[in-house]
Amino acid sequence: MKSLLKKLVSYILQIGADTQDSEYIRLAKRIWCVSLVFSILTCLGISILEFRAGEKFLGAVFFFSLVPFLLALIHGALRPRHYERNAFILQTYLIIVAMVVTLALGGMQKANGATLIGLLGPLFALFFPRKSRAVLLFVLYAALYLGLVFLAIFSWDSISLQSHLADLLFWFGFLSVAGFAFGATYFFVDQRDKVYRLLEKEKERSEEFLRRIKKDLEEAAQIQKNFLPQENPQLEGYEISGLNVPCYEVGGDYFDYVPIDADRLGVVIADVAGKGIGASLLMASLRAALCGWQSRRMGTSA
């Protein structure tokens, strides 16, 4: 059972996965898919409870809300590139349904906080790269919320207006708090995205710098390889061969064959202390000195 649950969770987290996604997009998709699964289960559970309590309208609303959540999950698995668009449609649906339910139940006083569900739309939209959509959703939410408030005001008579003043202040206060929560969340998310984009640029620069270093080291390794003997010497009665495998791309090990005369062959073996570029530079200096000595010797012999 535990293994099956683990496989199920792993499958849910991989829904809509795309090899071209960045780490941030992949995380946003995982959060979205898990939220869809919980939303489906929540809608199913609440619809059952509402039907059993005799609230057929709310039961039907939650039951039929299974359809868009389920379709979004399936479409996200089949078309992973469209996940943000699907999320925007579903978040808009949350806002509109919350307001319709509030209106159908007779206003905000009788809706048991149904308008809170609509606030999930713009807040959750902040997870996605296009923050303009989140702002658009919050404007839509605020407009519909204010519409319900003014509709309630116009339905009051002058006698009961004073008695509803506390409710009016509460509704406007709630919208102010919601606006502050959305604005503060937007600010921190936007700052995080700026830092993320800055890190991405620095990562690209670092990778480009490392690629250049790697290319330079490969060229240096090839040059150092050319410093070594390209073929084995031929000396009667002996089989001579040499091989140099540096620890890093370049190193300080060096060997060479120096002909002395027709019957004698000198073998040079050097091991510079240390490894890497510093050792390779000392090795190059040693080879240059050896080549200079060999040239002077040949000139003297001539």
C-alpha atoms as a PDB file:
ATOM      1  CA  MET A   1       0.000   0.000   0.000  1.00  0.00           C
ATOM      2  CA  LYS A   2       2.820   2.373   0.887  1.00  0.00           C
ATOM      3  CA  SER A   3       4.591   1.629  -2.382  1.00  0.00           C
ATOM      4  CA  LEU A   4       1.390   2.211  -4.355  1.00  0.00           C
ATOM      5  CA  LEU A   5       0.800   5.555  -2.615  1.00  0.00           C
ATOM      6  CA  LYS A   6       4.391   6.567  -3.318  1.00  0.00           C
ATOM      7  CA  LYS A   7       3.982   5.760  -7.020  1.00  0.00           C
ATOM      8  CA  LEU A   8       0.701   7.680  -7.132  1.00  0.00           C
ATOM      9  CA  VAL A   9       2.262  10.783  -5.555  1.00  0.00           C
ATOM     10  CA  SER A  10       5.243  10.530  -7.916  1.00  0.00           C
ATOM     11  CA  TYR A  11       2.879  10.291 -10.900  1.00  0.00           C
ATOM     12  CA  ILE A  12       0.891  13.344  -9.755  1.00  0.00           C
ATOM     13  CA  LEU A  13       4.089  15.369  -9.325  1.00  0.00           C
ATOM     14  CA  GLN A  14       5.198  14.468 -12.847  1.00  0.00           C
ATOM     15  CA  ILE A  15       1.924  15.499 -14.543  1.00  0.00           C
ATOM     16  CA  GLY A  16       2.634  18.134 -17.148  1.00  0.00           C
ATOM     17  CA  ALA A  17       6.405  17.724 -16.824  1.00  0.00           C
ATOM     18  CA  ASP A  18       8.422  19.101 -19.723  1.00  0.00           C
ATOM     19  CA  THR A  19      12.154  18.663 -20.285  1.00  0.00           C
ATOM     20  CA  GLN A  20      12.454  22.309 -21.342  1.00  0.00           C
ATOM     21  CA  ASP A  21      10.939  23.648 -18.116  1.00  0.00           C
ATOM     22  CA  SER A  22      13.106  25.570 -15.705  1.00  0.00           C
ATOM     23  CA  GLU A  23      13.275  24.499 -12.075  1.00  0.00           C
ATOM     24  CA  TYR A  24      10.864  27.286 -11.103  1.00  0.00           C
ATOM     25  CA  ILE A  25       8.277  26.337 -13.764  1.00  0.00           C
ATOM     26  CA  ARG A  26       8.550  22.674 -12.803  1.00  0.00           C
ATOM     27  CA  LEU A  27       7.868  23.540  -9.157  1.00  0.00           C
ATOM     28  CA  ALA A  28       4.883  25.744 -10.106  1.00  0.00           C
ATOM     29  CA  LYS A  29       3.433  22.890 -12.174  1.00  0.00           C
ATOM     30  CA  ARG A  30       3.821  20.443  -9.299  1.00  0.00           C
ATOM     31  CA  ILE A  31       2.065  22.796  -6.882  1.00  0.00           C
ATOM     32  CA  TRP A  32      -0.692  23.338  -9.444  1.00  0.00           C
ATOM     33  CA  CYS A  33      -1.222  19.610 -10.077  1.00  0.00           C
ATOM     34  CA  VAL A  34      -1.305  18.788  -6.365  1.00  0.00           C
ATOM     35  CA  SER A  35      -3.781  21.653  -5.832  1.00  0.00           C
ATOM     36  CA  LEU A  36      -6.003  20.283  -8.603  1.00  0.00           C
ATOM     37  CA  VAL A  37      -6.060  16.837  -7.018  1.00  0.00           C
ATOM     38  CA  PHE A  38      -6.931  18.266  -3.592  1.00  0.00           C
ATOM     39  CA  SER A  39      -9.577  20.505  -5.184  1.00  0.00           C
ATOM     40  CA  ILE A  40     -11.198  17.504  -6.865  1.00  0.00           C
ATOM     41  CA  LEU A  41     -11.282  15.557  -3.603  1.00  0.00           C
ATOM     42  CA  THR A  42     -12.532  18.623  -1.690  1.00  0.00           C
ATOM     43  CA  CYS A  43     -15.335  19.301  -4.185  1.00  0.00           C
ATOM     44  CA  LEU A  44     -16.413  15.681  -4.042  1.00  0.00           C
ATOM     45  CA  GLY A  45     -16.418  15.586  -0.237  1.00  0.00           C
ATOM     46  CA  ILE A  46     -18.237  18.917   0.197  1.00  0.00           C
ATOM     47  CA  SER A  47     -20.848  18.037  -2.439  1.00  0.00           C
ATOM     48  CA  ILE A  48     -21.666  14.829  -0.571  1.00  0.00           C
ATOM     49  CA  LEU A  49     -21.954  16.687   2.741  1.00  0.00           C
ATOM     50  CA  GLU A  50     -24.152  19.431   1.203  1.00  0.00           C
ATOM     51  CA  PHE A  51     -26.492  16.900  -0.426  1.00  0.00           C
ATOM     52  CA  ARG A  52     -26.842  15.027   2.864  1.00  0.00           C
ATOM     53  CA  ALA A  53     -27.569  18.332   4.644  1.00  0.00           C
ATOM     54  CA  GLY A  54     -30.322  19.100   2.119  1.00  0.00           C
ATOM     55  CA  GLU A  55     -28.418  21.954   0.419  1.00  0.00           C
ATOM     56  CA  LYS A  56     -29.017  20.797  -3.148  1.00  0.00           C
ATOM     57  CA  PHE A  57     -27.833  24.032  -4.756  1.00  0.00           C
ATOM     58  CA  LEU A  58     -24.443  24.077  -3.034  1.00  0.00           C
ATOM     59  CA  GLY A  59     -24.115  20.337  -3.495  1.00  0.00           C
ATOM     60  CA  ALA A  60     -24.677  20.694  -7.236  1.00  0.00           C
ATOM     61  CA  VAL A  61     -22.237  23.610  -7.500  1.00  0.00           C
ATOM     62  CA  PHE A  62     -19.430  21.702  -5.797  1.00  0.00           C
ATOM     63  CA  PHE A  63     -20.231  18.504  -7.671  1.00  0.00           C
ATOM     64  CA  PHE A  64     -20.163  20.136 -11.103  1.00  0.00           C
ATOM     65  CA  SER A  65     -17.003  22.031 -10.129  1.00  0.00           C
ATOM     66  CA  LEU A  66     -15.302  18.650 -10.335  1.00  0.00           C
ATOM     67  CA  VAL A  67     -15.521  18.890 -14.120  1.00  0.00           C
ATOM     68  CA  PRO A  68     -13.259  21.931 -14.756  1.00  0.00           C
ATOM     69  CA  PHE A  69     -10.732  20.766 -12.144  1.00  0.00           C
ATOM     70  CA  LEU A  70     -10.614  17.297 -13.674  1.00  0.00           C
ATOM     71  CA  LEU A  71     -10.404  18.655 -17.226  1.00  0.00           C
ATOM     72  CA  ALA A  72      -7.574  20.990 -16.213  1.00  0.00           C
ATOM     73  CA  LEU A  73      -5.664  18.044 -14.711  1.00  0.00           C
ATOM     74  CA  ILE A  74      -6.130  15.866 -17.802  1.00  0.00           C
ATOM     75  CA  HIS A  75      -5.352  18.669 -20.234  1.00  0.00           C
ATOM     76  CA  GLY A  76      -2.262  19.587 -18.199  1.00  0.00           C
ATOM     77  CA  ALA A  77      -0.985  16.043 -18.607  1.00  0.00           C
ATOM     78  CA  LEU A  78      -1.647  16.017 -22.373  1.00  0.00           C
ATOM     79  CA  ARG A  79      -0.664  19.627 -23.161  1.00  0.00           C
ATOM     80  CA  PRO A  80       1.935  20.677 -20.554  1.00  0.00           C
ATOM     81  CA  ARG A  81       2.787  23.909 -22.390  1.00  0.00           C
ATOM     82  CA  HIS A  82      -0.754  25.261 -21.808  1.00  0.00           C
ATOM     83  CA  TYR A  83      -0.797  24.837 -18.042  1.00  0.00           C
ATOM     84  CA  GLU A  84      -0.607  28.570 -17.270  1.00  0.00           C
ATOM     85  CA  ARG A  85      -3.482  29.392 -19.608  1.00  0.00           C
ATOM     86  CA  ASN A  86      -5.572  26.584 -18.099  1.00  0.00           C
ATOM     87  CA  ALA A  87      -4.748  27.837 -14.612  1.00  0.00           C
ATOM     88  CA  PHE A  88      -5.860  31.368 -15.539  1.00  0.00           C
ATOM     89  CA  ILE A  89      -9.204  30.063 -16.856  1.00  0.00           C
ATOM     90  CA  LEU A  90      -9.795  27.968 -13.745  1.00  0.00           C
ATOM     91  CA  GLN A  91      -8.818  30.804 -11.396  1.00  0.00           C
ATOM     92  CA  THR A  92     -11.287  33.073 -13.180  1.00  0.00           C
ATOM     93  CA  TYR A  93     -13.893  30.354 -12.758  1.00  0.00           C
ATOM     94  CA  LEU A  94     -13.253  30.295  -8.997  1.00  0.00           C
ATOM     95  CA  ILE A  95     -13.911  34.029  -8.709  1.00  0.00           C
ATOM     96  CA  ILE A  96     -17.087  34.024 -10.791  1.00  0.00           C
ATOM     97  CA  VAL A  97     -18.560  30.916  -9.138  1.00  0.00           C
ATOM     98  CA  ALA A  98     -17.856  32.316  -5.661  1.00  0.00           C
ATOM     99  CA  MET A  99     -19.717  35.512  -6.504  1.00  0.00           C
ATOM    100  CA  VAL A 100     -22.618  33.673  -8.196  1.00  0.00           C
ATOM    101  CA  VAL A 101     -23.011  31.397  -5.176  1.00  0.00           C
ATOM    102  CA  THR A 102     -22.939  34.407  -2.846  1.00  0.00           C
ATOM    103  CA  LEU A 103     -25.595  36.152  -4.897  1.00  0.00           C
ATOM    104  CA  ALA A 104     -27.762  33.041  -5.175  1.00  0.00           C
ATOM    105  CA  LEU A 105     -27.676  32.434  -1.426  1.00  0.00           C
ATOM    106  CA  GLY A 106     -28.982  35.922  -0.734  1.00  0.00           C
ATOM    107  CA  GLY A 107     -25.874  38.025  -0.243  1.00  0.00           C
ATOM    108  CA  MET A 108     -22.660  37.934   1.719  1.00  0.00           C
ATOM    109  CA  GLN A 109     -24.378  37.612   5.080  1.00  0.00           C
ATOM    110  CA  LYS A 110     -25.959  34.312   4.086  1.00  0.00           C
ATOM    111  CA  ALA A 111     -23.167  32.878   1.937  1.00  0.00           C
ATOM    112  CA  ASN A 112     -20.957  31.686   4.829  1.00  0.00           C
ATOM    113  CA  GLY A 113     -17.843  33.348   3.418  1.00  0.00           C
ATOM    114  CA  ALA A 114     -18.177  31.995  -0.125  1.00  0.00           C
ATOM    115  CA  THR A 115     -16.381  35.116  -1.404  1.00  0.00           C
ATOM    116  CA  LEU A 116     -13.210  33.876   0.312  1.00  0.00           C
ATOM    117  CA  ILE A 117     -13.001  31.063  -2.236  1.00  0.00           C
ATOM    118  CA  GLY A 118     -12.793  33.607  -5.037  1.00  0.00           C
ATOM    119  CA  LEU A 119      -9.768  35.249  -3.399  1.00  0.00           C
ATOM    120  CA  LEU A 120      -7.835  32.022  -3.987  1.00  0.00           C
ATOM    121  CA  GLY A 121      -7.817  32.804  -7.714  1.00  0.00           C
ATOM    122  CA  PRO A 122      -5.593  35.929  -7.754  1.00  0.00           C
ATOM    123  CA  LEU A 123      -3.470  34.731  -4.832  1.00  0.00           C
ATOM    124  CA  PHE A 124      -2.697  31.418  -6.499  1.00  0.00           C
ATOM    125  CA  ALA A 125      -2.017  33.158  -9.825  1.00  0.00           C
ATOM    126  CA  LEU A 126       1.042  34.759  -8.200  1.00  0.00           C
ATOM    127  CA  PHE A 127       2.767  31.364  -8.437  1.00  0.00           C
ATOM    128  CA  PHE A 128       2.955  31.706 -12.206  1.00  0.00           C
ATOM    129  CA  PRO A 129       5.399  33.773 -14.290  1.00  0.00           C
ATOM    130  CA  ARG A 130       2.854  36.221 -15.756  1.00  0.00           C
ATOM    131  CA  LYS A 131       2.025  38.411 -12.781  1.00  0.00           C
ATOM    132  CA  SER A 132      -0.177  40.658 -14.947  1.00  0.00           C
ATOM    133  CA  ARG A 133      -2.772  37.892 -14.981  1.00  0.00           C
ATOM    134  CA  ALA A 134      -2.794  37.811 -11.185  1.00  0.00           C
ATOM    135  CA  VAL A 135      -3.403  41.583 -11.101  1.00  0.00           C
ATOM    136  CA  LEU A 136      -6.205  41.202 -13.645  1.00  0.00           C
ATOM    137  CA  LEU A 137      -7.820  38.492 -11.544  1.00  0.00           C
ATOM    138  CA  PHE A 138      -7.653  40.605  -8.392  1.00  0.00           C
ATOM    139  CA  VAL A 139      -9.228  43.562 -10.222  1.00  0.00           C
ATOM    140  CA  LEU A 140     -12.008  41.223 -11.372  1.00  0.00           C
ATOM    141  CA  TYR A 141     -12.435  39.887  -7.837  1.00  0.00           C
ATOM    142  CA  ALA A 142     -12.548  43.401  -6.327  1.00  0.00           C
ATOM    143  CA  ALA A 143     -15.036  44.586  -8.959  1.00  0.00           C
ATOM    144  CA  LEU A 144     -17.421  41.679  -8.384  1.00  0.00           C
ATOM    145  CA  TYR A 145     -16.994  41.988  -4.609  1.00  0.00           C
ATOM    146  CA  LEU A 146     -17.834  45.697  -4.701  1.00  0.00           C
ATOM    147  CA  GLY A 147     -20.758  44.880  -6.961  1.00  0.00           C
ATOM    148  CA  LEU A 148     -22.176  42.598  -4.296  1.00  0.00           C
ATOM    149  CA  VAL A 149     -21.581  45.246  -1.617  1.00  0.00           C
ATOM    150  CA  PHE A 150     -23.394  47.986  -3.542  1.00  0.00           C
ATOM    151  CA  LEU A 151     -26.161  45.570  -4.471  1.00  0.00           C
ATOM    152  CA  ALA A 152     -26.671  44.925  -0.758  1.00  0.00           C
ATOM    153  CA  ILE A 153     -26.671  48.695  -0.059  1.00  0.00           C
ATOM    154  CA  PHE A 154     -29.331  49.370  -2.687  1.00  0.00           C
ATOM    155  CA  SER A 155     -31.501  46.599  -1.265  1.00  0.00           C
ATOM    156  CA  TRP A 156     -31.608  48.254   2.192  1.00  0.00           C
ATOM    157  CA  ASP A 157     -34.278  50.737   3.143  1.00  0.00           C
ATOM    158  CA  SER A 158     -33.504  53.977   4.954  1.00  0.00           C
ATOM    159  CA  ILE A 159     -34.696  52.558   8.262  1.00  0.00           C
ATOM    160  CA  SER A 160     -32.379  49.551   8.262  1.00  0.00           C
ATOM    161  CA  LEU A 161     -29.386  51.368   6.727  1.00  0.00           C
ATOM    162  CA  GLN A 162     -28.009  52.383  10.131  1.00  0.00           C
ATOM    163  CA  SER A 163     -28.294  48.823  11.442  1.00  0.00           C
ATOM    164  CA  HIS A 164     -26.274  47.493   8.488  1.00  0.00           C
ATOM    165  CA  LEU A 165     -23.477  50.045   8.831  1.00  0.00           C
ATOM    166  CA  ALA A 166     -21.295  47.610  10.789  1.00  0.00           C
ATOM    167  CA  ASP A 167     -21.683  45.004   8.028  1.00  0.00           C
ATOM    168  CA  LEU A 168     -20.806  47.617   5.412  1.00  0.00           C
ATOM    169  CA  LEU A 169     -17.643  48.591   7.262  1.00  0.00           C
ATOM    170  CA  PHE A 170     -16.715  44.942   7.660  1.00  0.00           C
ATOM    171  CA  TRP A 171     -17.067  44.252   3.904  1.00  0.00           C
ATOM    172  CA  PHE A 172     -14.990  47.259   2.909  1.00  0.00           C
ATOM    173  CA  GLY A 173     -12.470  46.406   5.625  1.00  0.00           C
ATOM    174  CA  PHE A 174     -12.203  42.858   4.333  1.00  0.00           C
ATOM    175  CA  LEU A 175     -11.577  44.114   0.806  1.00  0.00           C
ATOM    176  CA  SER A 176      -8.876  46.436   2.151  1.00  0.00           C
ATOM    177  CA  VAL A 177      -7.208  43.555   3.995  1.00  0.00           C
ATOM    178  CA  ALA A 178      -7.487  41.360   0.877  1.00  0.00           C
ATOM    179  CA  GLY A 179      -5.921  44.118  -1.207  1.00  0.00           C
ATOM    180  CA  PHE A 180      -3.078  44.523   1.268  1.00  0.00           C
ATOM    181  CA  ALA A 181      -2.490  40.739   1.396  1.00  0.00           C
ATOM    182  CA  PHE A 182      -2.445  40.541  -2.390  1.00  0.00           C
ATOM    183  CA  GLY A 183      -0.199  43.603  -2.736  1.00  0.00           C
ATOM    184  CA  ALA A 184       2.277  42.397  -0.117  1.00  0.00           C
ATOM    185  CA  THR A 185       2.386  38.920  -1.639  1.00  0.00           C
ATOM    186  CA  TYR A 186       2.844  40.421  -5.099  1.00  0.00           C
ATOM    187  CA  PHE A 187       5.726  42.575  -3.848  1.00  0.00           C
ATOM    188  CA  PHE A 188       7.619  39.684  -2.266  1.00  0.00           C
ATOM    189  CA  VAL A 189       6.945  37.362  -5.207  1.00  0.00           C
ATOM    190  CA  ASP A 190       8.075  40.051  -7.647  1.00  0.00           C
ATOM    191  CA  GLN A 191      11.279  40.629  -5.666  1.00  0.00           C
ATOM    192  CA  ARG A 192      11.893  36.898  -5.573  1.00  0.00           C
ATOM    193  CA  ASP A 193      11.429  36.691  -9.351  1.00  0.00           C
ATOM    194  CA  LYS A 194      13.875  39.558  -9.867  1.00  0.00           C
ATOM    195  CA  VAL A 195      16.446  37.738  -7.736  1.00  0.00           C
ATOM    196  CA  TYR A 196      15.722  34.539  -9.636  1.00  0.00           C
ATOM    197  CA  ARG A 197      16.205  36.261 -12.999  1.00  0.00           C
ATOM    198  CA  LEU A 198      19.436  37.840 -11.736  1.00  0.00           C
ATOM    199  CA  LEU A 199      20.683  34.432 -10.599  1.00  0.00           C
ATOM    200  CA  GLU A 200      19.749  32.964 -13.989  1.00  0.00           C
ATOM    201  CA  LYS A 201      21.791  35.652 -15.752  1.00  0.00           C
ATOM    202  CA  GLU A 202      24.728  35.071 -13.422  1.00  0.00           C
ATOM    203  CA  LYS A 203      24.401  31.346 -13.989  1.00  0.00           C
ATOM    204  CA  GLU A 204      24.494  31.860 -17.759  1.00  0.00           C
ATOM    205  CA  ARG A 205      27.563  34.086 -17.439  1.00  0.00           C
ATOM    206  CA  SER A 206      29.279  31.558 -15.185  1.00  0.00           C
ATOM    207  CA  GLU A 207      28.474  28.719 -17.568  1.00  0.00           C
ATOM    208  CA  GLU A 208      29.773  30.734 -20.517  1.00  0.00           C
ATOM    209  CA  PHE A 209      32.936  31.554 -18.548  1.00  0.00           C
ATOM    210  CA  LEU A 210      33.391  27.887 -17.644  1.00  0.00           C
ATOM    211  CA  ARG A 211      32.883  26.883 -21.278  1.00  0.00           C
ATOM    212  CA  ARG A 212      35.620  29.303 -22.326  1.00  0.00           C
ATOM    213  CA  ILE A 213      37.933  27.975 -19.615  1.00  0.00           C
ATOM    214  CA  LYS A 214      37.206  24.399 -20.666  1.00  0.00           C
ATOM    215  CA  LYS A 215      37.926  25.253 -24.296  1.00  0.00           C
ATOM    216  CA  ASP A 216      41.201  26.971 -23.339  1.00  0.00           C
ATOM    217  CA  LEU A 217      42.215  23.980 -21.215  1.00  0.00           C
ATOM    218  CA  GLU A 218      41.438  21.609 -24.056  1.00  0.00           C
ATOM    219  CA  GLU A 219      43.625  23.674 -26.376  1.00  0.00           C
ATOM    220  CA  ALA A 220      46.362  23.818 -23.720  1.00  0.00           C
ATOM    221  CA  ALA A 221      46.143  20.041 -23.273  1.00  0.00           C
ATOM    222  CA  GLN A 222      46.521  19.558 -27.015  1.00  0.00           C
ATOM    223  CA  ILE A 223      49.520  21.907 -27.127  1.00  0.00           C
ATOM    224  CA  GLN A 224      51.117  20.077 -24.188  1.00  0.00           C
ATOM    225  CA  LYS A 225      50.444  16.769 -25.889  1.00  0.00           C
ATOM    226  CA  ASN A 226      52.269  18.050 -28.970  1.00  0.00           C
ATOM    227  CA  PHE A 227      55.292  18.811 -26.753  1.00  0.00           C
ATOM    228  CA  LEU A 228      55.695  15.092 -26.108  1.00  0.00           C
ATOM    229  CA  PRO A 229      57.275  12.673 -28.577  1.00  0.00           C
ATOM    230  CA  GLN A 230      54.864  11.798 -31.375  1.00  0.00           C
ATOM    231  CA  GLU A 231      56.542   8.463 -32.181  1.00  0.00           C
ATOM    232  CA  ASN A 232      58.723   5.938 -30.430  1.00  0.00           C
ATOM    233  CA  PRO A 233      62.473   6.018 -31.144  1.00  0.00           C
ATOM    234  CA  GLN A 234      64.179   3.172 -32.999  1.00  0.00           C
ATOM    235  CA  LEU A 235      67.289   1.833 -31.283  1.00  0.00           C
ATOM    236  CA  GLU A 236      68.742  -1.537 -32.154  1.00  0.00           C
ATOM    237  CA  GLY A 237      68.281  -4.068 -29.365  1.00  0.00           C
ATOM    238  CA  TYR A 238      65.633  -2.010 -27.482  1.00  0.00           C
ATOM    239  CA  GLU A 239      61.899  -1.421 -27.578  1.00  0.00           C
ATOM    240  CA  ILE A 240      61.136   2.014 -26.202  1.00  0.00           C
ATOM    241  CA  SER A 241      57.734   3.654 -25.776  1.00  0.00           C
ATOM    242  CA  GLY A 242      56.299   6.302 -23.510  1.00  0.00           C
ATOM    243  CA  LEU A 243      52.882   7.518 -22.408  1.00  0.00           C
ATOM    244  CA  ASN A 244      51.817  10.538 -20.378  1.00  0.00           C
ATOM    245  CA  VAL A 245      48.326  10.709 -18.792  1.00  0.00           C
ATOM    246  CA  PRO A 246      47.924  13.940 -16.777  1.00  0.00           C
ATOM    247  CA  CYS A 247      45.847  13.984 -13.607  1.00  0.00           C
ATOM    248  CA  TYR A 248      43.984  17.082 -14.807  1.00  0.00           C
ATOM    249  CA  GLU A 249      43.636  18.538 -18.303  1.00  0.00           C
ATOM    250  CA  VAL A 250      47.266  19.680 -18.126  1.00  0.00           C
ATOM    251  CA  GLY A 251      50.044  18.714 -15.774  1.00  0.00           C
ATOM    252  CA  GLY A 252      53.749  18.911 -14.983  1.00  0.00           C
ATOM    253  CA  ASP A 253      54.921  15.470 -16.157  1.00  0.00           C
ATOM    254  CA  TYR A 254      57.280  15.431 -19.125  1.00  0.00           C
ATOM    255  CA  PHE A 255      59.419  12.966 -21.020  1.00  0.00           C
ATOM    256  CA  ASP A 256      61.420  13.171 -24.216  1.00  0.00           C
ATOM    257  CA  TYR A 257      64.074  11.375 -26.242  1.00  0.00           C
ATOM    258  CA  VAL A 258      67.305  13.179 -27.035  1.00  0.00           C
ATOM    259  CA  PRO A 259      69.572  11.579 -29.645  1.00  0.00           C
ATOM    260  CA  ILE A 260      73.203  11.794 -28.526  1.00  0.00           C
ATOM    261  CA  ASP A 261      74.907   9.989 -31.390  1.00  0.00           C
ATOM    262  CA  ALA A 262      74.280   7.014 -33.650  1.00  0.00           C
ATOM    263  CA  ASP A 263      74.556   4.496 -30.806  1.00  0.00           C
ATOM    264  CA  ARG A 264      73.278   6.470 -27.825  1.00  0.00           C
ATOM    265  CA  LEU A 265      69.885   7.880 -26.914  1.00  0.00           C
ATOM    266  CA  GLY A 266      69.168  10.173 -24.015  1.00  0.00           C
ATOM    267  CA  VAL A 267      65.858   9.875 -22.146  1.00  0.00           C
ATOM    268  CA  VAL A 268      64.499  12.905 -20.302  1.00  0.00           C
ATOM    269  CA  ILE A 269      61.944  12.339 -17.514  1.00  0.00           C
ATOM    270  CA  ALA A 270      60.660  15.245 -15.441  1.00  0.00           C
ATOM    271  CA  ASP A 271      57.994  15.601 -12.791  1.00  0.00           C
ATOM    272  CA  VAL A 272      57.247  19.186 -11.768  1.00  0.00           C
ATOM    273  CA  ALA A 273      55.969  19.573  -8.209  1.00  0.00           C
ATOM    274  CA  GLY A 274      52.231  20.237  -8.194  1.00  0.00           C
ATOM    275  CA  LYS A 275      49.501  19.778 -10.767  1.00  0.00           C
ATOM    276  CA  GLY A 276      47.474  21.822 -13.196  1.00  0.00           C
ATOM    277  CA  ILE A 277      48.295  25.000 -15.077  1.00  0.00           C
ATOM    278  CA  GLY A 278      51.201  26.133 -12.858  1.00  0.00           C
ATOM    279  CA  ALA A 279      52.996  22.825 -13.249  1.00  0.00           C
ATOM    280  CA  SER A 280      52.348  22.786 -16.997  1.00  0.00           C
ATOM    281  CA  LEU A 281      53.912  26.241 -17.383  1.00  0.00           C
ATOM    282  CA  LEU A 282      57.053  25.089 -15.552  1.00  0.00           C
ATOM    283  CA  MET A 283      57.124  22.002 -17.729  1.00  0.00           C
ATOM    284  CA  ALA A 284      56.912  24.190 -20.862  1.00  0.00           C
ATOM    285  CA  SER A 285      59.831  26.275 -19.550  1.00  0.00           C
ATOM    286  CA  LEU A 286      61.837  23.103 -18.948  1.00  0.00           C
ATOM    287  CA  ARG A 287      61.134  21.876 -22.473  1.00  0.00           C
ATOM    288  CA  ALA A 288      62.135  25.246 -23.913  1.00  0.00           C
ATOM    289  CA  ALA A 289      65.433  25.090 -21.969  1.00  0.00           C
ATOM    290  CA  LEU A 290      66.014  21.522 -23.176  1.00  0.00           C
ATOM    291  CA  CYS A 291      65.303  22.477 -26.775  1.00  0.00           C
ATOM    292  CA  GLY A 292      67.717  25.433 -26.433  1.00  0.00           C
ATOM    293  CA  TRP A 293      70.433  23.169 -25.034  1.00  0.00           C
ATOM    294  CA  GLN A 294      69.863  20.641 -27.803  1.00  0.00           C
ATOM    295  CA  SER A 295      70.058  23.358 -30.458  1.00  0.00           C
ATOM    296  CA  ARG A 296      73.324  24.731 -29.000  1.00  0.00           C
ATOM    297  CA  ARG A 297      74.744  21.216 -28.783  1.00  0.00           C
ATOM    298  CA  MET A 298      73.901  20.483 -32.386  1.00  0.00           C
ATOM    299  CA  GLY A 299      75.406  23.827 -33.419  1.00  0.00           C
ATOM    300  CA  THR A 300      78.591  23.043 -31.513  1.00  0.00           C
ATOM    301  CA  SER A 301      78.822  19.602 -33.039  1.00  0.00           C
ATOM    302  CA  ALA A 302      78.406  21.071 -36.513  1.00  0.00           C
END
